Amino acid sequence: HHWLIKAVANSYSYLPPGTGTLSRVFTGEILRIGGSVFEVGLQIAAPVLAATLVADIVIGLLGKASPQMPLLLLGPAIKSILGIGILVVALKYWPDMFSRLFTSSMTHAQELLHLAR
């Protein structure tokens, strides 16, 4: 968090408020970076989404095979436990991913400051 505060403080000395311009390149870069935020969110959520989709399909097939099973009561619990389990397994890969994403976000922020100048 200290790096973020320092970056914001340095950005005011590099580009004082009111002196930036909105060029076509700057606006395009903002939109591209905003799209990458959604891409990263989808990458983080993809394993859990895929696992719960498979669980929904399996629960649906089980419901058709044996209608007397109380799958409407068991389904949410099974999907919650499965989602938490997938997240716990995925935690192993998060530090490297977040380190890479933080470095690239700092690079993108610096590029945006240069484009706004």
PDB file of N, CA and C in Angstrom:
ATOM      1  N   HIS A   1       0.820  -1.191   0.000  1.00  0.00           N
ATOM      2  CA  HIS A   1       0.000   0.000   0.000  1.00  0.00           C
ATOM      3  C   HIS A   1       0.863   1.253   0.000  1.00  0.00           C
ATOM      4  N   HIS A   2       2.094   1.127   0.495  1.00  0.00           N
ATOM      5  CA  HIS A   2       2.986   2.287   0.487  1.00  0.00           C
ATOM      6  C   HIS A   2       3.370   2.663  -0.948  1.00  0.00           C
ATOM      7  N   TRP A   3       3.550   1.676  -1.797  1.00  0.00           N
ATOM      8  CA  TRP A   3       3.893   1.949  -3.200  1.00  0.00           C
ATOM      9  C   TRP A   3       2.767   2.697  -3.893  1.00  0.00           C
ATOM     10  N   LEU A   4       1.531   2.296  -3.603  1.00  0.00           N
ATOM     11  CA  LEU A   4       0.395   2.967  -4.237  1.00  0.00           C
ATOM     12  C   LEU A   4       0.293   4.420  -3.793  1.00  0.00           C
ATOM     13  N   ILE A   5       0.484   4.674  -2.514  1.00  0.00           N
ATOM     14  CA  ILE A   5       0.428   6.048  -2.000  1.00  0.00           C
ATOM     15  C   ILE A   5       1.555   6.876  -2.596  1.00  0.00           C
ATOM     16  N   LYS A   6       2.739   6.292  -2.677  1.00  0.00           N
ATOM     17  CA  LYS A   6       3.883   6.992  -3.266  1.00  0.00           C
ATOM     18  C   LYS A   6       3.648   7.270  -4.748  1.00  0.00           C
ATOM     19  N   ALA A   7       3.049   6.328  -5.451  1.00  0.00           N
ATOM     20  CA  ALA A   7       2.771   6.521  -6.879  1.00  0.00           C
ATOM     21  C   ALA A   7       1.766   7.649  -7.090  1.00  0.00           C
ATOM     22  N   VAL A   8       0.726   7.698  -6.253  1.00  0.00           N
ATOM     23  CA  VAL A   8      -0.261   8.771  -6.380  1.00  0.00           C
ATOM     24  C   VAL A   8       0.386  10.115  -6.065  1.00  0.00           C
ATOM     25  N   ALA A   9       1.210  10.169  -5.032  1.00  0.00           N
ATOM     26  CA  ALA A   9       1.883  11.421  -4.676  1.00  0.00           C
ATOM     27  C   ALA A   9       2.822  11.871  -5.792  1.00  0.00           C
ATOM     28  N   ASN A  10       3.571  10.954  -6.372  1.00  0.00           N
ATOM     29  CA  ASN A  10       4.480  11.309  -7.470  1.00  0.00           C
ATOM     30  C   ASN A  10       3.728  11.716  -8.726  1.00  0.00           C
ATOM     31  N   SER A  11       2.542  11.175  -8.925  1.00  0.00           N
ATOM     32  CA  SER A  11       1.774  11.535 -10.114  1.00  0.00           C
ATOM     33  C   SER A  11       1.349  13.003 -10.071  1.00  0.00           C
ATOM     34  N   TYR A  12       1.105  13.549  -8.871  1.00  0.00           N
ATOM     35  CA  TYR A  12       0.740  14.965  -8.773  1.00  0.00           C
ATOM     36  C   TYR A  12       1.916  15.875  -9.099  1.00  0.00           C
ATOM     37  N   SER A  13       3.122  15.458  -8.784  1.00  0.00           N
ATOM     38  CA  SER A  13       4.275  16.288  -9.145  1.00  0.00           C
ATOM     39  C   SER A  13       4.608  16.141 -10.629  1.00  0.00           C
ATOM     40  N   TYR A  14       4.357  14.970 -11.192  1.00  0.00           N
ATOM     41  CA  TYR A  14       4.646  14.753 -12.615  1.00  0.00           C
ATOM     42  C   TYR A  14       3.588  15.411 -13.494  1.00  0.00           C
ATOM     43  N   LEU A  15       2.326  15.269 -13.111  1.00  0.00           N
ATOM     44  CA  LEU A  15       1.211  15.814 -13.888  1.00  0.00           C
ATOM     45  C   LEU A  15       0.281  16.556 -12.938  1.00  0.00           C
ATOM     46  N   PRO A  16       0.495  17.856 -12.749  1.00  0.00           N
ATOM     47  CA  PRO A  16      -0.347  18.611 -11.815  1.00  0.00           C
ATOM     48  C   PRO A  16      -1.816  18.584 -12.253  1.00  0.00           C
ATOM     49  N   PRO A  17      -2.728  18.697 -11.291  1.00  0.00           N
ATOM     50  CA  PRO A  17      -4.154  18.667 -11.628  1.00  0.00           C
ATOM     51  C   PRO A  17      -4.532  19.782 -12.614  1.00  0.00           C
ATOM     52  N   GLY A  18      -5.323  19.435 -13.611  1.00  0.00           N
ATOM     53  CA  GLY A  18      -5.785  20.407 -14.595  1.00  0.00           C
ATOM     54  C   GLY A  18      -4.880  20.572 -15.797  1.00  0.00           C
ATOM     55  N   THR A  19      -3.733  19.887 -15.811  1.00  0.00           N
ATOM     56  CA  THR A  19      -2.816  20.065 -16.944  1.00  0.00           C
ATOM     57  C   THR A  19      -2.858  18.888 -17.916  1.00  0.00           C
ATOM     58  N   GLY A  20      -3.587  17.854 -17.599  1.00  0.00           N
ATOM     59  CA  GLY A  20      -3.653  16.689 -18.479  1.00  0.00           C
ATOM     60  C   GLY A  20      -4.591  16.927 -19.658  1.00  0.00           C
ATOM     61  N   THR A  21      -4.343  16.205 -20.738  1.00  0.00           N
ATOM     62  CA  THR A  21      -5.197  16.297 -21.918  1.00  0.00           C
ATOM     63  C   THR A  21      -5.779  14.927 -22.234  1.00  0.00           C
ATOM     64  N   LEU A  22      -6.974  14.935 -22.792  1.00  0.00           N
ATOM     65  CA  LEU A  22      -7.628  13.690 -23.183  1.00  0.00           C
ATOM     66  C   LEU A  22      -7.459  13.500 -24.686  1.00  0.00           C
ATOM     67  N   SER A  23      -6.387  12.853 -25.056  1.00  0.00           N
ATOM     68  CA  SER A  23      -6.162  12.575 -26.472  1.00  0.00           C
ATOM     69  C   SER A  23      -6.837  11.266 -26.852  1.00  0.00           C
ATOM     70  N   ARG A  24      -6.879  11.004 -28.137  1.00  0.00           N
ATOM     71  CA  ARG A  24      -7.480   9.763 -28.627  1.00  0.00           C
ATOM     72  C   ARG A  24      -6.677   8.551 -28.155  1.00  0.00           C
ATOM     73  N   VAL A  25      -5.365   8.661 -28.132  1.00  0.00           N
ATOM     74  CA  VAL A  25      -4.512   7.554 -27.689  1.00  0.00           C
ATOM     75  C   VAL A  25      -4.724   7.286 -26.206  1.00  0.00           C
ATOM     76  N   PHE A  26      -4.816   8.360 -25.408  1.00  0.00           N
ATOM     77  CA  PHE A  26      -5.039   8.212 -23.972  1.00  0.00           C
ATOM     78  C   PHE A  26      -6.377   7.534 -23.698  1.00  0.00           C
ATOM     79  N   THR A  27      -7.431   7.965 -24.379  1.00  0.00           N
ATOM     80  CA  THR A  27      -8.755   7.374 -24.178  1.00  0.00           C
ATOM     81  C   THR A  27      -8.777   5.911 -24.596  1.00  0.00           C
ATOM     82  N   GLY A  28      -8.118   5.598 -25.719  1.00  0.00           N
ATOM     83  CA  GLY A  28      -8.040   4.200 -26.154  1.00  0.00           C
ATOM     84  C   GLY A  28      -7.299   3.333 -25.158  1.00  0.00           C
ATOM     85  N   GLU A  29      -6.244   3.880 -24.578  1.00  0.00           N
ATOM     86  CA  GLU A  29      -5.464   3.128 -23.586  1.00  0.00           C
ATOM     87  C   GLU A  29      -6.266   2.903 -22.312  1.00  0.00           C
ATOM     88  N   ILE A  30      -7.030   3.903 -21.899  1.00  0.00           N
ATOM     89  CA  ILE A  30      -7.900   3.751 -20.718  1.00  0.00           C
ATOM     90  C   ILE A  30      -8.917   2.639 -20.953  1.00  0.00           C
ATOM     91  N   LEU A  31      -9.522   2.608 -22.134  1.00  0.00           N
ATOM     92  CA  LEU A  31     -10.503   1.569 -22.442  1.00  0.00           C
ATOM     93  C   LEU A  31      -9.850   0.189 -22.498  1.00  0.00           C
ATOM     94  N   ARG A  32      -8.649   0.102 -23.044  1.00  0.00           N
ATOM     95  CA  ARG A  32      -7.946  -1.183 -23.115  1.00  0.00           C
ATOM     96  C   ARG A  32      -7.603  -1.692 -21.719  1.00  0.00           C
ATOM     97  N   ILE A  33      -7.135  -0.817 -20.864  1.00  0.00           N
ATOM     98  CA  ILE A  33      -6.788  -1.221 -19.499  1.00  0.00           C
ATOM     99  C   ILE A  33      -8.047  -1.584 -18.713  1.00  0.00           C
ATOM    100  N   GLY A  34      -9.140  -0.852 -18.922  1.00  0.00           N
ATOM    101  CA  GLY A  34     -10.405  -1.197 -18.267  1.00  0.00           C
ATOM    102  C   GLY A  34     -10.897  -2.570 -18.694  1.00  0.00           C
ATOM    103  N   GLY A  35     -10.719  -2.905 -19.963  1.00  0.00           N
ATOM    104  CA  GLY A  35     -11.076  -4.234 -20.443  1.00  0.00           C
ATOM    105  C   GLY A  35     -10.213  -5.312 -19.830  1.00  0.00           C
ATOM    106  N   SER A  36      -8.950  -5.005 -19.598  1.00  0.00           N
ATOM    107  CA  SER A  36      -8.070  -5.999 -18.988  1.00  0.00           C
ATOM    108  C   SER A  36      -8.439  -6.261 -17.534  1.00  0.00           C
ATOM    109  N   VAL A  37      -9.065  -5.293 -16.860  1.00  0.00           N
ATOM    110  CA  VAL A  37      -9.540  -5.517 -15.493  1.00  0.00           C
ATOM    111  C   VAL A  37     -10.617  -6.603 -15.486  1.00  0.00           C
ATOM    112  N   PHE A  38     -11.539  -6.522 -16.444  1.00  0.00           N
ATOM    113  CA  PHE A  38     -12.570  -7.557 -16.546  1.00  0.00           C
ATOM    114  C   PHE A  38     -11.967  -8.901 -16.928  1.00  0.00           C
ATOM    115  N   GLU A  39     -10.952  -8.886 -17.771  1.00  0.00           N
ATOM    116  CA  GLU A  39     -10.281 -10.121 -18.168  1.00  0.00           C
ATOM    117  C   GLU A  39      -9.627 -10.801 -16.971  1.00  0.00           C
ATOM    118  N   VAL A  40      -8.964 -10.022 -16.132  1.00  0.00           N
ATOM    119  CA  VAL A  40      -8.315 -10.581 -14.942  1.00  0.00           C
ATOM    120  C   VAL A  40      -9.364 -11.131 -13.976  1.00  0.00           C
ATOM    121  N   GLY A  41     -10.460 -10.421 -13.801  1.00  0.00           N
ATOM    122  CA  GLY A  41     -11.528 -10.914 -12.940  1.00  0.00           C
ATOM    123  C   GLY A  41     -12.090 -12.237 -13.425  1.00  0.00           C
ATOM    124  N   LEU A  42     -12.230 -12.363 -14.741  1.00  0.00           N
ATOM    125  CA  LEU A  42     -12.712 -13.616 -15.306  1.00  0.00           C
ATOM    126  C   LEU A  42     -11.694 -14.732 -15.124  1.00  0.00           C
ATOM    127  N   GLN A  43     -10.411 -14.411 -15.230  1.00  0.00           N
ATOM    128  CA  GLN A  43      -9.377 -15.425 -15.021  1.00  0.00           C
ATOM    129  C   GLN A  43      -9.371 -15.915 -13.579  1.00  0.00           C
ATOM    130  N   ILE A  44      -9.603 -15.019 -12.636  1.00  0.00           N
ATOM    131  CA  ILE A  44      -9.628 -15.418 -11.233  1.00  0.00           C
ATOM    132  C   ILE A  44     -10.866 -16.276 -10.947  1.00  0.00           C
ATOM    133  N   ALA A  45     -12.000 -15.912 -11.535  1.00  0.00           N
ATOM    134  CA  ALA A  45     -13.247 -16.609 -11.242  1.00  0.00           C
ATOM    135  C   ALA A  45     -13.475 -17.848 -12.103  1.00  0.00           C
ATOM    136  N   ALA A  46     -12.714 -18.029 -13.174  1.00  0.00           N
ATOM    137  CA  ALA A  46     -12.965 -19.116 -14.122  1.00  0.00           C
ATOM    138  C   ALA A  46     -12.955 -20.512 -13.497  1.00  0.00           C
ATOM    139  N   PRO A  47     -11.996 -20.868 -12.640  1.00  0.00           N
ATOM    140  CA  PRO A  47     -12.033 -22.225 -12.080  1.00  0.00           C
ATOM    141  C   PRO A  47     -13.295 -22.504 -11.264  1.00  0.00           C
ATOM    142  N   VAL A  48     -13.722 -21.540 -10.468  1.00  0.00           N
ATOM    143  CA  VAL A  48     -14.922 -21.741  -9.654  1.00  0.00           C
ATOM    144  C   VAL A  48     -16.166 -21.780 -10.540  1.00  0.00           C
ATOM    145  N   LEU A  49     -16.218 -20.909 -11.551  1.00  0.00           N
ATOM    146  CA  LEU A  49     -17.363 -20.920 -12.462  1.00  0.00           C
ATOM    147  C   LEU A  49     -17.475 -22.245 -13.203  1.00  0.00           C
ATOM    148  N   ALA A  50     -16.339 -22.747 -13.682  1.00  0.00           N
ATOM    149  CA  ALA A  50     -16.354 -24.024 -14.401  1.00  0.00           C
ATOM    150  C   ALA A  50     -16.769 -25.164 -13.472  1.00  0.00           C
ATOM    151  N   ALA A  51     -16.250 -25.174 -12.254  1.00  0.00           N
ATOM    152  CA  ALA A  51     -16.590 -26.256 -11.315  1.00  0.00           C
ATOM    153  C   ALA A  51     -18.065 -26.221 -10.929  1.00  0.00           C
ATOM    154  N   THR A  52     -18.615 -25.029 -10.701  1.00  0.00           N
ATOM    155  CA  THR A  52     -20.030 -24.958 -10.340  1.00  0.00           C
ATOM    156  C   THR A  52     -20.929 -25.277 -11.528  1.00  0.00           C
ATOM    157  N   LEU A  53     -20.481 -24.966 -12.733  1.00  0.00           N
ATOM    158  CA  LEU A  53     -21.254 -25.339 -13.917  1.00  0.00           C
ATOM    159  C   LEU A  53     -21.318 -26.858 -14.061  1.00  0.00           C
ATOM    160  N   VAL A  54     -20.173 -27.512 -13.866  1.00  0.00           N
ATOM    161  CA  VAL A  54     -20.146 -28.973 -13.919  1.00  0.00           C
ATOM    162  C   VAL A  54     -21.000 -29.557 -12.795  1.00  0.00           C
ATOM    163  N   ALA A  55     -20.937 -28.960 -11.605  1.00  0.00           N
ATOM    164  CA  ALA A  55     -21.752 -29.437 -10.482  1.00  0.00           C
ATOM    165  C   ALA A  55     -23.237 -29.275 -10.784  1.00  0.00           C
ATOM    166  N   ASP A  56     -23.629 -28.170 -11.417  1.00  0.00           N
ATOM    167  CA  ASP A  56     -25.033 -27.986 -11.798  1.00  0.00           C
ATOM    168  C   ASP A  56     -25.490 -29.053 -12.786  1.00  0.00           C
ATOM    169  N   ILE A  57     -24.633 -29.369 -13.744  1.00  0.00           N
ATOM    170  CA  ILE A  57     -24.988 -30.395 -14.728  1.00  0.00           C
ATOM    171  C   ILE A  57     -25.138 -31.756 -14.053  1.00  0.00           C
ATOM    172  N   VAL A  58     -24.191 -32.095 -13.168  1.00  0.00           N
ATOM    173  CA  VAL A  58     -24.252 -33.376 -12.469  1.00  0.00           C
ATOM    174  C   VAL A  58     -25.489 -33.441 -11.570  1.00  0.00           C
ATOM    175  N   ILE A  59     -25.783 -32.370 -10.861  1.00  0.00           N
ATOM    176  CA  ILE A  59     -26.963 -32.347  -9.985  1.00  0.00           C
ATOM    177  C   ILE A  59     -28.239 -32.460 -10.816  1.00  0.00           C
ATOM    178  N   GLY A  60     -28.264 -31.820 -11.971  1.00  0.00           N
ATOM    179  CA  GLY A  60     -29.423 -31.940 -12.845  1.00  0.00           C
ATOM    180  C   GLY A  60     -29.618 -33.357 -13.356  1.00  0.00           C
ATOM    181  N   LEU A  61     -28.516 -34.019 -13.733  1.00  0.00           N
ATOM    182  CA  LEU A  61     -28.617 -35.405 -14.179  1.00  0.00           C
ATOM    183  C   LEU A  61     -29.043 -36.328 -13.047  1.00  0.00           C
ATOM    184  N   LEU A  62     -28.521 -36.096 -11.848  1.00  0.00           N
ATOM    185  CA  LEU A  62     -28.940 -36.894 -10.690  1.00  0.00           C
ATOM    186  C   LEU A  62     -30.416 -36.670 -10.372  1.00  0.00           C
ATOM    187  N   GLY A  63     -30.873 -35.446 -10.532  1.00  0.00           N
ATOM    188  CA  GLY A  63     -32.281 -35.156 -10.279  1.00  0.00           C
ATOM    189  C   GLY A  63     -33.202 -35.870 -11.253  1.00  0.00           C
ATOM    190  N   LYS A  64     -32.755 -35.993 -12.497  1.00  0.00           N
ATOM    191  CA  LYS A  64     -33.551 -36.731 -13.484  1.00  0.00           C
ATOM    192  C   LYS A  64     -33.486 -38.237 -13.221  1.00  0.00           C
ATOM    193  N   ALA A  65     -32.335 -38.713 -12.775  1.00  0.00           N
ATOM    194  CA  ALA A  65     -32.169 -40.150 -12.546  1.00  0.00           C
ATOM    195  C   ALA A  65     -32.962 -40.620 -11.321  1.00  0.00           C
ATOM    196  N   SER A  66     -32.944 -39.831 -10.272  1.00  0.00           N
ATOM    197  CA  SER A  66     -33.692 -40.230  -9.073  1.00  0.00           C
ATOM    198  C   SER A  66     -34.408 -39.008  -8.510  1.00  0.00           C
ATOM    199  N   PRO A  67     -35.648 -38.788  -8.904  1.00  0.00           N
ATOM    200  CA  PRO A  67     -36.384 -37.586  -8.492  1.00  0.00           C
ATOM    201  C   PRO A  67     -36.667 -37.498  -6.993  1.00  0.00           C
ATOM    202  N   GLN A  68     -36.553 -38.596  -6.265  1.00  0.00           N
ATOM    203  CA  GLN A  68     -36.863 -38.550  -4.838  1.00  0.00           C
ATOM    204  C   GLN A  68     -35.716 -37.978  -3.990  1.00  0.00           C
ATOM    205  N   MET A  69     -34.534 -37.775  -4.577  1.00  0.00           N
ATOM    206  CA  MET A  69     -33.417 -37.197  -3.824  1.00  0.00           C
ATOM    207  C   MET A  69     -33.666 -35.699  -3.605  1.00  0.00           C
ATOM    208  N   PRO A  70     -33.359 -35.185  -2.418  1.00  0.00           N
ATOM    209  CA  PRO A  70     -33.592 -33.760  -2.140  1.00  0.00           C
ATOM    210  C   PRO A  70     -32.450 -32.882  -2.662  1.00  0.00           C
ATOM    211  N   LEU A  71     -32.298 -32.833  -3.981  1.00  0.00           N
ATOM    212  CA  LEU A  71     -31.173 -32.120  -4.569  1.00  0.00           C
ATOM    213  C   LEU A  71     -31.322 -30.606  -4.482  1.00  0.00           C
ATOM    214  N   LEU A  72     -32.559 -30.128  -4.374  1.00  0.00           N
ATOM    215  CA  LEU A  72     -32.725 -28.686  -4.222  1.00  0.00           C
ATOM    216  C   LEU A  72     -32.162 -28.201  -2.890  1.00  0.00           C
ATOM    217  N   LEU A  73     -32.157 -29.065  -1.905  1.00  0.00           N
ATOM    218  CA  LEU A  73     -31.579 -28.704  -0.608  1.00  0.00           C
ATOM    219  C   LEU A  73     -30.074 -28.941  -0.577  1.00  0.00           C
ATOM    220  N   LEU A  74     -29.608 -29.968  -1.277  1.00  0.00           N
ATOM    221  CA  LEU A  74     -28.190 -30.295  -1.260  1.00  0.00           C
ATOM    222  C   LEU A  74     -27.371 -29.498  -2.269  1.00  0.00           C
ATOM    223  N   GLY A  75     -27.999 -29.073  -3.343  1.00  0.00           N
ATOM    224  CA  GLY A  75     -27.277 -28.393  -4.418  1.00  0.00           C
ATOM    225  C   GLY A  75     -26.485 -27.177  -3.984  1.00  0.00           C
ATOM    226  N   PRO A  76     -27.110 -26.199  -3.317  1.00  0.00           N
ATOM    227  CA  PRO A  76     -26.347 -25.014  -2.901  1.00  0.00           C
ATOM    228  C   PRO A  76     -25.195 -25.349  -1.942  1.00  0.00           C
ATOM    229  N   ALA A  77     -25.402 -26.285  -1.044  1.00  0.00           N
ATOM    230  CA  ALA A  77     -24.324 -26.646  -0.115  1.00  0.00           C
ATOM    231  C   ALA A  77     -23.169 -27.303  -0.864  1.00  0.00           C
ATOM    232  N   ILE A  78     -23.492 -28.188  -1.786  1.00  0.00           N
ATOM    233  CA  ILE A  78     -22.449 -28.861  -2.559  1.00  0.00           C
ATOM    234  C   ILE A  78     -21.668 -27.852  -3.387  1.00  0.00           C
ATOM    235  N   LYS A  79     -22.383 -26.927  -4.045  1.00  0.00           N
ATOM    236  CA  LYS A  79     -21.695 -25.929  -4.870  1.00  0.00           C
ATOM    237  C   LYS A  79     -20.856 -24.972  -4.027  1.00  0.00           C
ATOM    238  N   SER A  80     -21.327 -24.620  -2.846  1.00  0.00           N
ATOM    239  CA  SER A  80     -20.545 -23.730  -1.976  1.00  0.00           C
ATOM    240  C   SER A  80     -19.265 -24.404  -1.508  1.00  0.00           C
ATOM    241  N   ILE A  81     -19.381 -25.633  -1.074  1.00  0.00           N
ATOM    242  CA  ILE A  81     -18.193 -26.368  -0.619  1.00  0.00           C
ATOM    243  C   ILE A  81     -17.222 -26.574  -1.768  1.00  0.00           C
ATOM    244  N   LEU A  82     -17.745 -26.885  -2.958  1.00  0.00           N
ATOM    245  CA  LEU A  82     -16.900 -27.072  -4.127  1.00  0.00           C
ATOM    246  C   LEU A  82     -16.182 -25.773  -4.505  1.00  0.00           C
ATOM    247  N   GLY A  83     -16.916 -24.661  -4.488  1.00  0.00           N
ATOM    248  CA  GLY A  83     -16.314 -23.370  -4.815  1.00  0.00           C
ATOM    249  C   GLY A  83     -15.231 -22.966  -3.837  1.00  0.00           C
ATOM    250  N   ILE A  84     -15.477 -23.155  -2.565  1.00  0.00           N
ATOM    251  CA  ILE A  84     -14.461 -22.823  -1.556  1.00  0.00           C
ATOM    252  C   ILE A  84     -13.244 -23.736  -1.698  1.00  0.00           C
ATOM    253  N   GLY A  85     -13.489 -25.013  -1.966  1.00  0.00           N
ATOM    254  CA  GLY A  85     -12.369 -25.942  -2.174  1.00  0.00           C
ATOM    255  C   GLY A  85     -11.521 -25.554  -3.370  1.00  0.00           C
ATOM    256  N   ILE A  86     -12.160 -25.152  -4.464  1.00  0.00           N
ATOM    257  CA  ILE A  86     -11.412 -24.723  -5.653  1.00  0.00           C
ATOM    258  C   ILE A  86     -10.607 -23.461  -5.350  1.00  0.00           C
ATOM    259  N   LEU A  87     -11.204 -22.530  -4.613  1.00  0.00           N
ATOM    260  CA  LEU A  87     -10.472 -21.315  -4.252  1.00  0.00           C
ATOM    261  C   LEU A  87      -9.268 -21.618  -3.366  1.00  0.00           C
ATOM    262  N   VAL A  88      -9.408 -22.547  -2.434  1.00  0.00           N
ATOM    263  CA  VAL A  88      -8.293 -22.911  -1.560  1.00  0.00           C
ATOM    264  C   VAL A  88      -7.162 -23.534  -2.380  1.00  0.00           C
ATOM    265  N   VAL A  89      -7.514 -24.382  -3.344  1.00  0.00           N
ATOM    266  CA  VAL A  89      -6.487 -24.988  -4.197  1.00  0.00           C
ATOM    267  C   VAL A  89      -5.831 -23.922  -5.074  1.00  0.00           C
ATOM    268  N   ALA A  90      -6.620 -22.946  -5.556  1.00  0.00           N
ATOM    269  CA  ALA A  90      -6.089 -21.908  -6.433  1.00  0.00           C
ATOM    270  C   ALA A  90      -5.231 -20.889  -5.690  1.00  0.00           C
ATOM    271  N   LEU A  91      -5.339 -20.829  -4.367  1.00  0.00           N
ATOM    272  CA  LEU A  91      -4.539 -19.873  -3.591  1.00  0.00           C
ATOM    273  C   LEU A  91      -3.043 -20.054  -3.809  1.00  0.00           C
ATOM    274  N   LYS A  92      -2.640 -21.239  -4.150  1.00  0.00           N
ATOM    275  CA  LYS A  92      -1.220 -21.518  -4.376  1.00  0.00           C
ATOM    276  C   LYS A  92      -0.669 -20.671  -5.527  1.00  0.00           C
ATOM    277  N   TYR A  93      -1.500 -20.397  -6.519  1.00  0.00           N
ATOM    278  CA  TYR A  93      -1.045 -19.690  -7.715  1.00  0.00           C
ATOM    279  C   TYR A  93      -1.261 -18.186  -7.648  1.00  0.00           C
ATOM    280  N   TRP A  94      -1.996 -17.695  -6.655  1.00  0.00           N
ATOM    281  CA  TRP A  94      -2.331 -16.287  -6.589  1.00  0.00           C
ATOM    282  C   TRP A  94      -1.148 -15.358  -6.319  1.00  0.00           C
ATOM    283  N   PRO A  95      -0.196 -15.671  -5.435  1.00  0.00           N
ATOM    284  CA  PRO A  95       0.883 -14.702  -5.188  1.00  0.00           C
ATOM    285  C   PRO A  95       1.671 -14.345  -6.443  1.00  0.00           C
ATOM    286  N   ASP A  96       2.027 -15.333  -7.241  1.00  0.00           N
ATOM    287  CA  ASP A  96       2.757 -15.039  -8.480  1.00  0.00           C
ATOM    288  C   ASP A  96       1.898 -14.227  -9.441  1.00  0.00           C
ATOM    289  N   MET A  97       0.626 -14.604  -9.546  1.00  0.00           N
ATOM    290  CA  MET A  97      -0.267 -13.900 -10.460  1.00  0.00           C
ATOM    291  C   MET A  97      -0.465 -12.452 -10.022  1.00  0.00           C
ATOM    292  N   PHE A  98      -0.702 -12.241  -8.732  1.00  0.00           N
ATOM    293  CA  PHE A  98      -0.922 -10.877  -8.263  1.00  0.00           C
ATOM    294  C   PHE A  98       0.352 -10.041  -8.327  1.00  0.00           C
ATOM    295  N   SER A  99       1.495 -10.653  -8.126  1.00  0.00           N
ATOM    296  CA  SER A  99       2.756  -9.928  -8.275  1.00  0.00           C
ATOM    297  C   SER A  99       2.932  -9.466  -9.715  1.00  0.00           C
ATOM    298  N   ARG A 100       2.664 -10.364 -10.653  1.00  0.00           N
ATOM    299  CA  ARG A 100       2.767 -10.016 -12.075  1.00  0.00           C
ATOM    300  C   ARG A 100       1.755  -8.938 -12.446  1.00  0.00           C
ATOM    301  N   LEU A 101       0.533  -9.060 -11.943  1.00  0.00           N
ATOM    302  CA  LEU A 101      -0.501  -8.083 -12.253  1.00  0.00           C
ATOM    303  C   LEU A 101      -0.200  -6.721 -11.635  1.00  0.00           C
ATOM    304  N   PHE A 102       0.367  -6.712 -10.424  1.00  0.00           N
ATOM    305  CA  PHE A 102       0.710  -5.440  -9.790  1.00  0.00           C
ATOM    306  C   PHE A 102       1.805  -4.729 -10.571  1.00  0.00           C
ATOM    307  N   THR A 103       2.802  -5.478 -11.019  1.00  0.00           N
ATOM    308  CA  THR A 103       3.884  -4.867 -11.791  1.00  0.00           C
ATOM    309  C   THR A 103       3.362  -4.313 -13.108  1.00  0.00           C
ATOM    310  N   SER A 104       2.496  -5.067 -13.765  1.00  0.00           N
ATOM    311  CA  SER A 104       1.969  -4.570 -15.036  1.00  0.00           C
ATOM    312  C   SER A 104       1.042  -3.377 -14.818  1.00  0.00           C
ATOM    313  N   SER A 105       0.307  -3.349 -13.703  1.00  0.00           N
ATOM    314  CA  SER A 105      -0.561  -2.195 -13.452  1.00  0.00           C
ATOM    315  C   SER A 105       0.258  -0.939 -13.179  1.00  0.00           C
ATOM    316  N   MET A 106       1.388  -1.072 -12.524  1.00  0.00           N
ATOM    317  CA  MET A 106       2.258   0.084 -12.310  1.00  0.00           C
ATOM    318  C   MET A 106       2.832   0.574 -13.646  1.00  0.00           C
ATOM    319  N   THR A 107       3.170  -0.342 -14.526  1.00  0.00           N
ATOM    320  CA  THR A 107       3.677   0.036 -15.845  1.00  0.00           C
ATOM    321  C   THR A 107       2.591   0.746 -16.643  1.00  0.00           C
ATOM    322  N   HIS A 108       1.370   0.214 -16.580  1.00  0.00           N
ATOM    323  CA  HIS A 108       0.262   0.851 -17.292  1.00  0.00           C
ATOM    324  C   HIS A 108      -0.042   2.234 -16.733  1.00  0.00           C
ATOM    325  N   ALA A 109       0.031   2.394 -15.428  1.00  0.00           N
ATOM    326  CA  ALA A 109      -0.219   3.703 -14.816  1.00  0.00           C
ATOM    327  C   ALA A 109       0.827   4.714 -15.277  1.00  0.00           C
ATOM    328  N   GLN A 110       2.076   4.278 -15.367  1.00  0.00           N
ATOM    329  CA  GLN A 110       3.131   5.170 -15.838  1.00  0.00           C
ATOM    330  C   GLN A 110       2.905   5.541 -17.303  1.00  0.00           C
ATOM    331  N   GLU A 111       2.494   4.587 -18.113  1.00  0.00           N
ATOM    332  CA  GLU A 111       2.194   4.879 -19.515  1.00  0.00           C
ATOM    333  C   GLU A 111       1.046   5.882 -19.640  1.00  0.00           C
ATOM    334  N   LEU A 112       0.026   5.727 -18.799  1.00  0.00           N
ATOM    335  CA  LEU A 112      -1.098   6.653 -18.841  1.00  0.00           C
ATOM    336  C   LEU A 112      -0.680   8.069 -18.453  1.00  0.00           C
ATOM    337  N   LEU A 113       0.197   8.183 -17.470  1.00  0.00           N
ATOM    338  CA  LEU A 113       0.689   9.500 -17.081  1.00  0.00           C
ATOM    339  C   LEU A 113       1.451  10.146 -18.231  1.00  0.00           C
ATOM    340  N   HIS A 114       2.247   9.366 -18.951  1.00  0.00           N
ATOM    341  CA  HIS A 114       3.001   9.918 -20.086  1.00  0.00           C
ATOM    342  C   HIS A 114       2.055  10.319 -21.219  1.00  0.00           C
ATOM    343  N   LEU A 115       0.997   9.542 -21.428  1.00  0.00           N
ATOM    344  CA  LEU A 115       0.046   9.871 -22.493  1.00  0.00           C
ATOM    345  C   LEU A 115      -0.793  11.096 -22.166  1.00  0.00           C
ATOM    346  N   ALA A 116      -1.067  11.314 -20.898  1.00  0.00           N
ATOM    347  CA  ALA A 116      -1.905  12.460 -20.500  1.00  0.00           C
ATOM    348  C   ALA A 116      -1.129  13.751 -20.497  1.00  0.00           C
ATOM    349  N   ARG A 117       0.166  13.675 -20.531  1.00  0.00           N
ATOM    350  CA  ARG A 117       0.995  14.874 -20.448  1.00  0.00           C
ATOM    351  C   ARG A 117       1.012  15.644 -21.718  1.00  0.00           C
TER     352      ARG A 117
END
